[in-house]
Amino acid sequence: MSEGYRIVLVGPPASGKGTQGSVLAERFGIPKISTGDMLREARAAGTALGKQAEEYMNSGKLVPDEVVIGLVDERLNADDAKKGFILDGFPRTTPQAEALEALLEKRRTPLSHVLQIDVSKDLLVERATLRRIDKQTGHIYHLKYSLPPPGADLEQRPDDREETVRRRLDEYDAMTAALLPFYEQRKLLKRVDGVGSMEEVTARINEALER
């Protein structure tokens, strides 16, 4: 087994896992890899899998698991992933987790940790629905935690409206219901309280990784 951190980050929209993934990536000098980033990179590079994924995306279809796993395999071959990696938002289902496990077993580089960032649904809704974007600068503010300056020209993204946010959270819960038990059985899952400042959550994650 090679040394290094190989981490899966699990958490619903607005849980802060993207931010924490970036902090971990900088700390350990390993890449944070999201499915969206992989798809964009593969399309830009014009790889066979990238073209295949693009065909599905252009026709409005979900990219099949086998194509996504192929993209993960390609991405993990890159030099920057040799010391480890952080997967942000993948896998999301048990079949994806099983496929990832098989892929990493072939490489003899099994996962070291699965971090679940726990935040209550009501707080997730508050975090998302009170976000506003400055139309002029693109800067994101929050009407409770990061107030905009007076006179800022703000708008709310359609994705941040309450009905949409709650639907996405329900879809996330349904999709990942079997994923956490899957990793619990393998003694990889570590739950982290995601409520508090960014620094507080980072400290809890660091403590979980050291346990």
N, C-alpha and C. Protein backbone atom coordinates (compact mmCIF):
# COMPACT_ATOMS: atom_id res chain seq x y z
N MET A 1 0.85 -1.18 0.00
CA MET A 1 0.00 0.00 0.00
C MET A 1 0.89 1.24 0.00
N SER A 2 0.55 2.21 -0.86
CA SER A 2 1.35 3.43 -0.89
C SER A 2 0.91 4.36 0.23
N GLU A 3 1.84 5.23 0.64
CA GLU A 3 1.53 6.17 1.71
C GLU A 3 0.69 7.32 1.16
N GLY A 4 0.07 8.06 2.07
CA GLY A 4 -0.68 9.25 1.66
C GLY A 4 -2.14 9.15 2.06
N TYR A 5 -2.78 10.32 2.01
CA TYR A 5 -4.21 10.39 2.32
C TYR A 5 -5.02 10.18 1.05
N ARG A 6 -5.99 9.28 1.12
CA ARG A 6 -6.95 9.06 0.02
C ARG A 6 -8.32 9.17 0.66
N ILE A 7 -8.93 10.32 0.45
CA ILE A 7 -10.11 10.72 1.22
C ILE A 7 -11.32 10.90 0.31
N VAL A 8 -12.46 10.41 0.77
CA VAL A 8 -13.74 10.75 0.16
C VAL A 8 -14.46 11.71 1.10
N LEU A 9 -14.90 12.85 0.57
CA LEU A 9 -15.66 13.82 1.35
C LEU A 9 -17.14 13.66 1.02
N VAL A 10 -17.95 13.48 2.04
CA VAL A 10 -19.39 13.30 1.86
C VAL A 10 -20.11 14.39 2.62
N GLY A 11 -21.09 14.99 1.97
CA GLY A 11 -21.87 16.03 2.65
C GLY A 11 -22.87 16.64 1.69
N PRO A 12 -24.01 17.06 2.19
CA PRO A 12 -25.04 17.63 1.33
C PRO A 12 -24.66 19.00 0.81
N PRO A 13 -25.41 19.52 -0.17
CA PRO A 13 -25.17 20.88 -0.64
C PRO A 13 -25.22 21.88 0.52
N ALA A 14 -24.29 22.82 0.51
CA ALA A 14 -24.17 23.88 1.54
C ALA A 14 -23.60 23.38 2.86
N SER A 15 -23.05 22.16 2.87
CA SER A 15 -22.44 21.64 4.10
C SER A 15 -21.05 22.19 4.34
N GLY A 16 -20.44 22.78 3.30
CA GLY A 16 -19.09 23.32 3.43
C GLY A 16 -18.01 22.35 3.02
N LYS A 17 -18.38 21.21 2.42
CA LYS A 17 -17.36 20.21 2.09
C LYS A 17 -16.41 20.69 0.99
N GLY A 18 -16.91 21.51 0.08
CA GLY A 18 -16.02 22.04 -0.96
C GLY A 18 -14.92 22.90 -0.36
N THR A 19 -15.30 23.77 0.57
CA THR A 19 -14.33 24.63 1.25
C THR A 19 -13.34 23.81 2.05
N GLN A 20 -13.85 22.84 2.82
CA GLN A 20 -12.97 22.02 3.64
C GLN A 20 -12.07 21.13 2.77
N GLY A 21 -12.59 20.69 1.64
CA GLY A 21 -11.76 19.91 0.71
C GLY A 21 -10.58 20.71 0.20
N SER A 22 -10.82 21.99 -0.09
CA SER A 22 -9.73 22.86 -0.56
C SER A 22 -8.68 23.07 0.53
N VAL A 23 -9.15 23.21 1.78
CA VAL A 23 -8.22 23.38 2.91
C VAL A 23 -7.35 22.13 3.05
N LEU A 24 -7.97 20.95 2.98
CA LEU A 24 -7.22 19.70 3.10
C LEU A 24 -6.24 19.53 1.95
N ALA A 25 -6.69 19.88 0.76
CA ALA A 25 -5.83 19.73 -0.42
C ALA A 25 -4.56 20.57 -0.27
N GLU A 26 -4.74 21.79 0.23
CA GLU A 26 -3.57 22.67 0.42
C GLU A 26 -2.67 22.13 1.54
N ARG A 27 -3.28 21.63 2.60
CA ARG A 27 -2.50 21.14 3.74
C ARG A 27 -1.62 19.95 3.34
N PHE A 28 -2.20 19.02 2.59
CA PHE A 28 -1.48 17.78 2.26
C PHE A 28 -0.79 17.81 0.90
N GLY A 29 -1.02 18.85 0.13
CA GLY A 29 -0.39 18.94 -1.19
C GLY A 29 -0.91 17.89 -2.15
N ILE A 30 -2.21 17.61 -2.06
CA ILE A 30 -2.84 16.62 -2.94
C ILE A 30 -4.05 17.28 -3.61
N PRO A 31 -4.50 16.77 -4.75
CA PRO A 31 -5.59 17.44 -5.46
C PRO A 31 -6.96 17.14 -4.86
N LYS A 32 -7.83 18.14 -4.90
CA LYS A 32 -9.25 17.94 -4.62
C LYS A 32 -9.94 17.71 -5.96
N ILE A 33 -10.59 16.58 -6.10
CA ILE A 33 -11.15 16.18 -7.39
C ILE A 33 -12.67 16.06 -7.26
N SER A 34 -13.38 16.84 -8.06
CA SER A 34 -14.84 16.70 -8.10
C SER A 34 -15.23 16.13 -9.46
N THR A 35 -16.40 15.52 -9.52
CA THR A 35 -16.87 14.94 -10.78
C THR A 35 -16.97 16.02 -11.85
N GLY A 36 -17.50 17.18 -11.46
CA GLY A 36 -17.64 18.27 -12.42
C GLY A 36 -16.30 18.70 -12.98
N ASP A 37 -15.30 18.83 -12.12
CA ASP A 37 -13.95 19.21 -12.58
C ASP A 37 -13.40 18.17 -13.55
N MET A 38 -13.59 16.89 -13.21
CA MET A 38 -13.08 15.82 -14.07
C MET A 38 -13.73 15.86 -15.44
N LEU A 39 -15.04 16.05 -15.47
CA LEU A 39 -15.75 16.09 -16.75
C LEU A 39 -15.27 17.26 -17.60
N ARG A 40 -15.09 18.42 -16.96
CA ARG A 40 -14.64 19.60 -17.71
C ARG A 40 -13.22 19.39 -18.24
N GLU A 41 -12.34 18.82 -17.40
CA GLU A 41 -10.95 18.60 -17.82
C GLU A 41 -10.88 17.58 -18.96
N ALA A 42 -11.67 16.50 -18.85
CA ALA A 42 -11.65 15.47 -19.88
C ALA A 42 -12.20 16.01 -21.21
N ARG A 43 -13.22 16.84 -21.13
CA ARG A 43 -13.77 17.44 -22.35
C ARG A 43 -12.73 18.36 -22.99
N ALA A 44 -12.07 19.17 -22.14
CA ALA A 44 -11.07 20.11 -22.67
C ALA A 44 -9.89 19.38 -23.29
N ALA A 45 -9.50 18.25 -22.67
CA ALA A 45 -8.35 17.49 -23.18
C ALA A 45 -8.72 16.66 -24.41
N GLY A 46 -10.01 16.47 -24.63
CA GLY A 46 -10.44 15.70 -25.81
C GLY A 46 -10.13 14.22 -25.72
N THR A 47 -10.06 13.67 -24.50
CA THR A 47 -9.80 12.24 -24.38
C THR A 47 -11.02 11.45 -24.86
N ALA A 48 -10.81 10.15 -25.12
CA ALA A 48 -11.91 9.31 -25.60
C ALA A 48 -13.06 9.31 -24.61
N LEU A 49 -12.71 9.18 -23.32
CA LEU A 49 -13.75 9.18 -22.29
C LEU A 49 -14.40 10.56 -22.18
N GLY A 50 -13.60 11.60 -22.36
CA GLY A 50 -14.14 12.95 -22.32
C GLY A 50 -15.16 13.18 -23.42
N LYS A 51 -14.85 12.69 -24.62
CA LYS A 51 -15.79 12.82 -25.74
C LYS A 51 -17.06 12.02 -25.49
N GLN A 52 -16.87 10.83 -24.90
CA GLN A 52 -18.02 9.98 -24.59
C GLN A 52 -18.92 10.67 -23.56
N ALA A 53 -18.30 11.23 -22.53
CA ALA A 53 -19.07 11.95 -21.50
C ALA A 53 -19.79 13.14 -22.11
N GLU A 54 -19.11 13.84 -23.02
CA GLU A 54 -19.69 15.03 -23.63
C GLU A 54 -20.95 14.68 -24.43
N GLU A 55 -20.94 13.54 -25.09
CA GLU A 55 -22.11 13.11 -25.85
C GLU A 55 -23.33 12.96 -24.94
N TYR A 56 -23.11 12.34 -23.78
CA TYR A 56 -24.22 12.19 -22.83
C TYR A 56 -24.69 13.55 -22.33
N MET A 57 -23.73 14.41 -21.97
CA MET A 57 -24.09 15.71 -21.41
C MET A 57 -24.81 16.58 -22.43
N ASN A 58 -24.35 16.55 -23.69
CA ASN A 58 -24.98 17.36 -24.73
C ASN A 58 -26.40 16.92 -25.03
N SER A 59 -26.68 15.62 -24.79
CA SER A 59 -28.04 15.12 -25.04
C SER A 59 -28.91 15.19 -23.78
N GLY A 60 -28.35 15.81 -22.71
CA GLY A 60 -29.12 16.00 -21.48
C GLY A 60 -29.25 14.76 -20.63
N LYS A 61 -28.40 13.76 -20.88
CA LYS A 61 -28.47 12.51 -20.12
C LYS A 61 -27.39 12.48 -19.03
N LEU A 62 -27.64 11.69 -18.00
CA LEU A 62 -26.63 11.48 -16.97
C LEU A 62 -25.48 10.66 -17.54
N VAL A 63 -24.27 11.02 -17.16
CA VAL A 63 -23.10 10.26 -17.60
C VAL A 63 -23.10 8.94 -16.81
N PRO A 64 -23.05 7.78 -17.51
CA PRO A 64 -23.12 6.48 -16.81
C PRO A 64 -21.96 6.28 -15.84
N ASP A 65 -22.22 5.46 -14.82
CA ASP A 65 -21.20 5.21 -13.79
C ASP A 65 -19.89 4.70 -14.39
N GLU A 66 -19.98 3.80 -15.39
CA GLU A 66 -18.74 3.23 -15.93
C GLU A 66 -17.87 4.29 -16.60
N VAL A 67 -18.51 5.31 -17.19
CA VAL A 67 -17.74 6.39 -17.82
C VAL A 67 -17.10 7.25 -16.72
N VAL A 68 -17.88 7.55 -15.67
CA VAL A 68 -17.34 8.37 -14.58
C VAL A 68 -16.18 7.65 -13.90
N ILE A 69 -16.33 6.36 -13.65
CA ILE A 69 -15.24 5.59 -13.04
C ILE A 69 -14.01 5.59 -13.94
N GLY A 70 -14.22 5.50 -15.24
CA GLY A 70 -13.10 5.60 -16.18
C GLY A 70 -12.40 6.94 -16.06
N LEU A 71 -13.17 8.00 -15.90
CA LEU A 71 -12.59 9.34 -15.74
C LEU A 71 -11.82 9.44 -14.43
N VAL A 72 -12.36 8.83 -13.36
CA VAL A 72 -11.63 8.81 -12.08
C VAL A 72 -10.30 8.09 -12.25
N ASP A 73 -10.33 6.96 -12.94
CA ASP A 73 -9.11 6.18 -13.19
C ASP A 73 -8.08 7.03 -13.93
N GLU A 74 -8.52 7.71 -14.98
CA GLU A 74 -7.62 8.59 -15.74
C GLU A 74 -7.04 9.69 -14.85
N ARG A 75 -7.92 10.31 -14.06
CA ARG A 75 -7.49 11.45 -13.24
C ARG A 75 -6.48 11.03 -12.18
N LEU A 76 -6.67 9.83 -11.61
CA LEU A 76 -5.77 9.38 -10.56
C LEU A 76 -4.41 8.95 -11.10
N ASN A 77 -4.31 8.84 -12.43
CA ASN A 77 -3.01 8.54 -13.04
C ASN A 77 -2.11 9.77 -13.12
N ALA A 78 -2.71 10.95 -12.93
CA ALA A 78 -1.93 12.18 -13.03
C ALA A 78 -0.89 12.25 -11.90
N ASP A 79 0.21 12.92 -12.19
CA ASP A 79 1.32 12.99 -11.23
C ASP A 79 0.90 13.59 -9.90
N ASP A 80 0.00 14.60 -9.94
CA ASP A 80 -0.35 15.28 -8.69
C ASP A 80 -1.17 14.40 -7.75
N ALA A 81 -1.70 13.28 -8.26
CA ALA A 81 -2.51 12.38 -7.42
C ALA A 81 -1.71 11.19 -6.90
N LYS A 82 -0.43 11.16 -7.20
CA LYS A 82 0.38 10.00 -6.79
C LYS A 82 0.51 9.91 -5.26
N LYS A 83 0.53 11.07 -4.59
CA LYS A 83 0.68 11.09 -3.13
C LYS A 83 -0.65 10.96 -2.40
N GLY A 84 -1.74 11.03 -3.14
CA GLY A 84 -3.05 10.96 -2.52
C GLY A 84 -4.03 11.87 -3.24
N PHE A 85 -5.26 11.90 -2.74
CA PHE A 85 -6.30 12.70 -3.40
C PHE A 85 -7.46 12.87 -2.44
N ILE A 86 -8.31 13.85 -2.79
CA ILE A 86 -9.56 14.07 -2.07
C ILE A 86 -10.67 14.04 -3.11
N LEU A 87 -11.59 13.11 -2.99
CA LEU A 87 -12.73 13.04 -3.89
C LEU A 87 -13.89 13.80 -3.26
N ASP A 88 -14.35 14.83 -3.95
CA ASP A 88 -15.41 15.70 -3.44
C ASP A 88 -16.71 15.40 -4.19
N GLY A 89 -17.66 14.76 -3.50
CA GLY A 89 -18.95 14.51 -4.12
C GLY A 89 -19.03 13.24 -4.93
N PHE A 90 -18.03 12.41 -4.87
CA PHE A 90 -18.04 11.11 -5.53
C PHE A 90 -17.30 10.13 -4.63
N PRO A 91 -17.86 8.94 -4.44
CA PRO A 91 -19.12 8.41 -4.99
C PRO A 91 -20.34 8.94 -4.24
N ARG A 92 -21.49 8.81 -4.91
CA ARG A 92 -22.75 9.23 -4.29
C ARG A 92 -23.69 8.06 -4.06
N THR A 93 -23.43 6.93 -4.68
CA THR A 93 -24.29 5.76 -4.54
C THR A 93 -23.44 4.54 -4.20
N THR A 94 -24.09 3.49 -3.71
CA THR A 94 -23.35 2.27 -3.37
C THR A 94 -22.70 1.64 -4.59
N PRO A 95 -23.39 1.53 -5.75
CA PRO A 95 -22.70 0.99 -6.93
C PRO A 95 -21.44 1.78 -7.30
N GLN A 96 -21.50 3.09 -7.19
CA GLN A 96 -20.30 3.90 -7.46
C GLN A 96 -19.21 3.60 -6.44
N ALA A 97 -19.61 3.45 -5.17
CA ALA A 97 -18.63 3.15 -4.11
C ALA A 97 -17.98 1.79 -4.35
N GLU A 98 -18.77 0.82 -4.77
CA GLU A 98 -18.22 -0.52 -5.06
C GLU A 98 -17.26 -0.47 -6.24
N ALA A 99 -17.61 0.30 -7.26
CA ALA A 99 -16.73 0.43 -8.43
C ALA A 99 -15.43 1.14 -8.05
N LEU A 100 -15.52 2.17 -7.23
CA LEU A 100 -14.32 2.87 -6.77
C LEU A 100 -13.45 1.94 -5.94
N GLU A 101 -14.06 1.17 -5.06
CA GLU A 101 -13.32 0.24 -4.22
C GLU A 101 -12.55 -0.77 -5.08
N ALA A 102 -13.20 -1.31 -6.11
CA ALA A 102 -12.54 -2.27 -7.00
C ALA A 102 -11.38 -1.61 -7.75
N LEU A 103 -11.59 -0.38 -8.20
CA LEU A 103 -10.54 0.35 -8.92
C LEU A 103 -9.32 0.57 -8.02
N LEU A 104 -9.56 0.99 -6.78
CA LEU A 104 -8.45 1.27 -5.87
C LEU A 104 -7.77 0.00 -5.39
N GLU A 105 -8.52 -1.10 -5.30
CA GLU A 105 -7.90 -2.38 -4.93
C GLU A 105 -6.90 -2.81 -6.00
N LYS A 106 -7.25 -2.60 -7.27
CA LYS A 106 -6.33 -2.94 -8.36
C LYS A 106 -5.04 -2.13 -8.25
N ARG A 107 -5.18 -0.90 -7.80
CA ARG A 107 -4.02 -0.02 -7.67
C ARG A 107 -3.27 -0.25 -6.35
N ARG A 108 -3.84 -1.04 -5.46
CA ARG A 108 -3.30 -1.25 -4.12
C ARG A 108 -3.17 0.06 -3.36
N THR A 109 -4.17 0.92 -3.58
CA THR A 109 -4.21 2.21 -2.88
C THR A 109 -5.62 2.42 -2.33
N PRO A 110 -6.01 1.65 -1.30
CA PRO A 110 -7.36 1.78 -0.76
C PRO A 110 -7.59 3.13 -0.10
N LEU A 111 -8.85 3.48 0.06
CA LEU A 111 -9.19 4.71 0.76
C LEU A 111 -8.64 4.67 2.18
N SER A 112 -8.24 5.85 2.67
CA SER A 112 -7.79 5.93 4.07
C SER A 112 -8.90 6.48 4.97
N HIS A 113 -9.74 7.37 4.44
CA HIS A 113 -10.79 7.98 5.26
C HIS A 113 -12.00 8.35 4.39
N VAL A 114 -13.17 8.26 4.99
CA VAL A 114 -14.38 8.85 4.40
C VAL A 114 -14.93 9.81 5.45
N LEU A 115 -14.97 11.09 5.11
CA LEU A 115 -15.40 12.13 6.05
C LEU A 115 -16.80 12.60 5.70
N GLN A 116 -17.72 12.42 6.63
CA GLN A 116 -19.09 12.90 6.46
C GLN A 116 -19.25 14.17 7.27
N ILE A 117 -19.58 15.28 6.59
CA ILE A 117 -19.79 16.56 7.28
C ILE A 117 -21.28 16.69 7.59
N ASP A 118 -21.61 16.67 8.87
CA ASP A 118 -23.00 16.67 9.32
C ASP A 118 -23.48 18.09 9.62
N VAL A 119 -24.58 18.47 8.98
CA VAL A 119 -25.23 19.75 9.23
C VAL A 119 -26.74 19.49 9.15
N SER A 120 -27.51 20.07 10.07
CA SER A 120 -28.96 19.84 10.06
C SER A 120 -29.59 20.43 8.80
N LYS A 121 -30.70 19.83 8.39
CA LYS A 121 -31.36 20.29 7.16
C LYS A 121 -31.81 21.74 7.27
N ASP A 122 -32.35 22.15 8.43
CA ASP A 122 -32.81 23.53 8.58
C ASP A 122 -31.66 24.52 8.41
N LEU A 123 -30.50 24.18 8.94
CA LEU A 123 -29.35 25.08 8.80
C LEU A 123 -28.85 25.10 7.35
N LEU A 124 -28.87 23.95 6.68
CA LEU A 124 -28.48 23.91 5.27
C LEU A 124 -29.38 24.81 4.43
N VAL A 125 -30.69 24.76 4.72
CA VAL A 125 -31.64 25.61 3.99
C VAL A 125 -31.33 27.08 4.26
N GLU A 126 -31.05 27.41 5.53
CA GLU A 126 -30.71 28.80 5.87
C GLU A 126 -29.45 29.25 5.14
N ARG A 127 -28.44 28.40 5.14
CA ARG A 127 -27.17 28.76 4.47
C ARG A 127 -27.39 29.05 2.99
N ALA A 128 -28.20 28.22 2.35
CA ALA A 128 -28.37 28.34 0.90
C ALA A 128 -29.33 29.47 0.52
N THR A 129 -30.48 29.55 1.20
CA THR A 129 -31.51 30.48 0.75
C THR A 129 -31.16 31.94 1.05
N LEU A 130 -30.26 32.19 1.99
CA LEU A 130 -29.88 33.57 2.31
C LEU A 130 -28.62 34.03 1.56
N ARG A 131 -28.13 33.18 0.63
CA ARG A 131 -27.00 33.61 -0.21
C ARG A 131 -27.49 34.58 -1.27
N ARG A 132 -26.68 35.58 -1.54
CA ARG A 132 -26.96 36.54 -2.61
C ARG A 132 -25.68 36.83 -3.39
N ILE A 133 -25.85 37.10 -4.67
CA ILE A 133 -24.70 37.41 -5.53
C ILE A 133 -24.77 38.88 -5.95
N ASP A 134 -23.62 39.56 -5.86
CA ASP A 134 -23.52 40.93 -6.36
C ASP A 134 -23.48 40.87 -7.88
N LYS A 135 -24.46 41.49 -8.52
CA LYS A 135 -24.56 41.43 -9.99
C LYS A 135 -23.35 42.04 -10.68
N GLN A 136 -22.74 43.03 -10.03
CA GLN A 136 -21.61 43.73 -10.65
C GLN A 136 -20.30 42.97 -10.50
N THR A 137 -20.05 42.44 -9.31
CA THR A 137 -18.75 41.83 -9.03
C THR A 137 -18.76 40.30 -9.03
N GLY A 138 -19.96 39.71 -8.89
CA GLY A 138 -20.04 38.25 -8.80
C GLY A 138 -19.72 37.72 -7.41
N HIS A 139 -19.43 38.63 -6.48
CA HIS A 139 -19.09 38.21 -5.11
C HIS A 139 -20.33 37.65 -4.42
N ILE A 140 -20.14 36.57 -3.64
CA ILE A 140 -21.26 35.96 -2.93
C ILE A 140 -21.30 36.45 -1.49
N TYR A 141 -22.45 36.94 -1.10
CA TYR A 141 -22.67 37.39 0.27
C TYR A 141 -23.73 36.50 0.93
N HIS A 142 -23.88 36.67 2.24
CA HIS A 142 -24.92 35.96 2.97
C HIS A 142 -25.63 36.97 3.87
N LEU A 143 -26.96 36.95 3.84
CA LEU A 143 -27.72 37.97 4.56
C LEU A 143 -27.65 37.83 6.07
N LYS A 144 -27.05 36.73 6.56
CA LYS A 144 -26.89 36.56 8.00
C LYS A 144 -25.42 36.50 8.41
N TYR A 145 -24.59 35.80 7.62
CA TYR A 145 -23.21 35.54 8.04
C TYR A 145 -22.16 36.41 7.35
N SER A 146 -22.49 36.96 6.20
CA SER A 146 -21.51 37.78 5.46
C SER A 146 -22.26 38.88 4.72
N LEU A 147 -22.57 39.94 5.48
CA LEU A 147 -23.47 40.97 4.97
C LEU A 147 -22.87 41.75 3.80
N PRO A 148 -23.68 42.06 2.79
CA PRO A 148 -23.20 42.86 1.66
C PRO A 148 -23.06 44.33 2.06
N PRO A 149 -22.28 45.09 1.32
CA PRO A 149 -22.17 46.53 1.61
C PRO A 149 -23.47 47.24 1.23
N PRO A 150 -23.73 48.39 1.83
CA PRO A 150 -24.94 49.15 1.48
C PRO A 150 -24.97 49.48 -0.01
N GLY A 151 -26.15 49.33 -0.60
CA GLY A 151 -26.31 49.69 -2.01
C GLY A 151 -25.87 48.64 -3.01
N ALA A 152 -25.41 47.48 -2.54
CA ALA A 152 -24.99 46.42 -3.47
C ALA A 152 -26.19 45.94 -4.28
N ASP A 153 -25.97 45.68 -5.56
CA ASP A 153 -27.03 45.20 -6.45
C ASP A 153 -27.02 43.67 -6.41
N LEU A 154 -27.93 43.11 -5.62
CA LEU A 154 -27.89 41.67 -5.33
C LEU A 154 -28.98 40.90 -6.07
N GLU A 155 -28.70 39.63 -6.31
CA GLU A 155 -29.72 38.73 -6.82
C GLU A 155 -29.55 37.36 -6.18
N GLN A 156 -30.63 36.59 -6.16
CA GLN A 156 -30.61 35.23 -5.63
C GLN A 156 -30.58 34.25 -6.79
N ARG A 157 -29.66 33.30 -6.74
CA ARG A 157 -29.62 32.28 -7.79
C ARG A 157 -30.88 31.42 -7.71
N PRO A 158 -31.41 30.99 -8.85
CA PRO A 158 -32.58 30.10 -8.83
C PRO A 158 -32.35 28.85 -7.98
N ASP A 159 -31.11 28.33 -7.99
CA ASP A 159 -30.79 27.13 -7.21
C ASP A 159 -30.88 27.37 -5.71
N ASP A 160 -30.87 28.63 -5.29
CA ASP A 160 -30.87 28.94 -3.86
C ASP A 160 -32.27 29.26 -3.32
N ARG A 161 -33.28 29.10 -4.15
CA ARG A 161 -34.65 29.30 -3.65
C ARG A 161 -35.06 28.11 -2.81
N GLU A 162 -35.88 28.37 -1.77
CA GLU A 162 -36.13 27.35 -0.75
C GLU A 162 -36.69 26.05 -1.33
N GLU A 163 -37.66 26.15 -2.20
CA GLU A 163 -38.27 24.94 -2.76
C GLU A 163 -37.21 24.08 -3.47
N THR A 164 -36.34 24.75 -4.24
CA THR A 164 -35.28 24.03 -4.97
C THR A 164 -34.27 23.44 -4.01
N VAL A 165 -33.88 24.20 -2.99
CA VAL A 165 -32.90 23.71 -2.01
C VAL A 165 -33.43 22.48 -1.29
N ARG A 166 -34.68 22.54 -0.83
CA ARG A 166 -35.24 21.39 -0.10
C ARG A 166 -35.35 20.17 -1.00
N ARG A 167 -35.70 20.37 -2.26
CA ARG A 167 -35.78 19.23 -3.18
C ARG A 167 -34.40 18.60 -3.39
N ARG A 168 -33.39 19.44 -3.55
CA ARG A 168 -32.03 18.92 -3.74
C ARG A 168 -31.56 18.16 -2.51
N LEU A 169 -31.90 18.66 -1.32
CA LEU A 169 -31.49 17.97 -0.10
C LEU A 169 -32.21 16.63 0.04
N ASP A 170 -33.49 16.58 -0.32
CA ASP A 170 -34.23 15.32 -0.28
C ASP A 170 -33.64 14.32 -1.27
N GLU A 171 -33.28 14.80 -2.47
CA GLU A 171 -32.67 13.93 -3.47
C GLU A 171 -31.32 13.41 -2.98
N TYR A 172 -30.57 14.28 -2.33
CA TYR A 172 -29.27 13.87 -1.79
C TYR A 172 -29.45 12.79 -0.73
N ASP A 173 -30.40 12.99 0.18
CA ASP A 173 -30.65 12.01 1.24
C ASP A 173 -31.02 10.65 0.66
N ALA A 174 -31.90 10.66 -0.35
CA ALA A 174 -32.35 9.41 -0.96
C ALA A 174 -31.19 8.71 -1.67
N MET A 175 -30.35 9.50 -2.35
CA MET A 175 -29.26 8.92 -3.13
C MET A 175 -28.18 8.31 -2.24
N THR A 176 -27.89 8.96 -1.13
CA THR A 176 -26.75 8.54 -0.30
C THR A 176 -27.17 7.68 0.89
N ALA A 177 -28.45 7.31 0.98
CA ALA A 177 -28.95 6.58 2.16
C ALA A 177 -28.14 5.33 2.45
N ALA A 178 -27.75 4.59 1.41
CA ALA A 178 -27.01 3.33 1.62
C ALA A 178 -25.50 3.54 1.62
N LEU A 179 -25.05 4.74 1.25
CA LEU A 179 -23.61 4.97 1.10
C LEU A 179 -22.89 4.99 2.45
N LEU A 180 -23.49 5.68 3.43
CA LEU A 180 -22.82 5.79 4.72
C LEU A 180 -22.71 4.44 5.43
N PRO A 181 -23.78 3.61 5.45
CA PRO A 181 -23.61 2.26 6.02
C PRO A 181 -22.55 1.43 5.30
N PHE A 182 -22.43 1.62 3.99
CA PHE A 182 -21.41 0.91 3.21
C PHE A 182 -20.02 1.21 3.77
N TYR A 183 -19.74 2.48 4.04
CA TYR A 183 -18.42 2.85 4.55
C TYR A 183 -18.28 2.60 6.05
N GLU A 184 -19.41 2.63 6.78
CA GLU A 184 -19.36 2.26 8.20
C GLU A 184 -18.92 0.82 8.36
N GLN A 185 -19.45 -0.07 7.52
CA GLN A 185 -19.08 -1.48 7.59
C GLN A 185 -17.59 -1.69 7.36
N ARG A 186 -16.99 -0.82 6.57
CA ARG A 186 -15.56 -0.93 6.27
C ARG A 186 -14.70 -0.14 7.26
N LYS A 187 -15.36 0.42 8.28
CA LYS A 187 -14.66 1.17 9.33
C LYS A 187 -13.85 2.34 8.77
N LEU A 188 -14.38 2.96 7.72
CA LEU A 188 -13.71 4.11 7.11
C LEU A 188 -14.40 5.43 7.46
N LEU A 189 -15.68 5.35 7.85
CA LEU A 189 -16.48 6.55 8.00
C LEU A 189 -16.17 7.29 9.29
N LYS A 190 -15.95 8.60 9.14
CA LYS A 190 -15.77 9.48 10.29
C LYS A 190 -16.71 10.66 10.13
N ARG A 191 -17.60 10.84 11.11
CA ARG A 191 -18.56 11.94 11.04
C ARG A 191 -17.98 13.18 11.74
N VAL A 192 -18.18 14.31 11.10
CA VAL A 192 -17.65 15.57 11.63
C VAL A 192 -18.79 16.57 11.72
N ASP A 193 -18.91 17.23 12.87
CA ASP A 193 -19.91 18.28 13.04
C ASP A 193 -19.53 19.46 12.16
N GLY A 194 -20.40 19.81 11.21
CA GLY A 194 -20.10 20.88 10.27
C GLY A 194 -20.65 22.23 10.67
N VAL A 195 -21.09 22.38 11.93
CA VAL A 195 -21.64 23.64 12.41
C VAL A 195 -20.55 24.43 13.13
N GLY A 196 -20.41 25.68 12.74
CA GLY A 196 -19.38 26.53 13.36
C GLY A 196 -18.60 27.26 12.31
N SER A 197 -17.55 27.95 12.73
CA SER A 197 -16.71 28.67 11.78
C SER A 197 -15.91 27.68 10.93
N MET A 198 -15.39 28.18 9.83
CA MET A 198 -14.57 27.33 8.96
C MET A 198 -13.40 26.75 9.74
N GLU A 199 -12.78 27.57 10.59
CA GLU A 199 -11.62 27.11 11.36
C GLU A 199 -12.01 26.01 12.36
N GLU A 200 -13.18 26.16 12.97
CA GLU A 200 -13.63 25.15 13.93
C GLU A 200 -13.88 23.81 13.25
N VAL A 201 -14.52 23.85 12.09
CA VAL A 201 -14.79 22.61 11.36
C VAL A 201 -13.49 21.98 10.89
N THR A 202 -12.55 22.81 10.41
CA THR A 202 -11.24 22.30 9.98
C THR A 202 -10.54 21.60 11.13
N ALA A 203 -10.61 22.18 12.33
CA ALA A 203 -9.96 21.57 13.50
C ALA A 203 -10.59 20.21 13.80
N ARG A 204 -11.91 20.11 13.67
CA ARG A 204 -12.57 18.82 13.92
C ARG A 204 -12.16 17.78 12.88
N ILE A 205 -12.03 18.22 11.64
CA ILE A 205 -11.60 17.29 10.58
C ILE A 205 -10.19 16.80 10.85
N ASN A 206 -9.31 17.71 11.22
CA ASN A 206 -7.93 17.31 11.52
C ASN A 206 -7.88 16.31 12.67
N GLU A 207 -8.73 16.54 13.68
CA GLU A 207 -8.78 15.63 14.81
C GLU A 207 -9.30 14.25 14.37
N ALA A 208 -10.31 14.25 13.50
CA ALA A 208 -10.87 12.98 13.00
C ALA A 208 -9.83 12.20 12.20
N LEU A 209 -9.03 12.90 11.42
CA LEU A 209 -8.01 12.22 10.61
C LEU A 209 -6.91 11.62 11.47
N GLU A 210 -6.68 12.20 12.63
CA GLU A 210 -5.61 11.71 13.51
C GLU A 210 -6.07 10.56 14.40
N ARG A 211 -7.40 10.36 14.51
CA ARG A 211 -7.92 9.31 15.37
C ARG A 211 -7.62 7.93 14.79
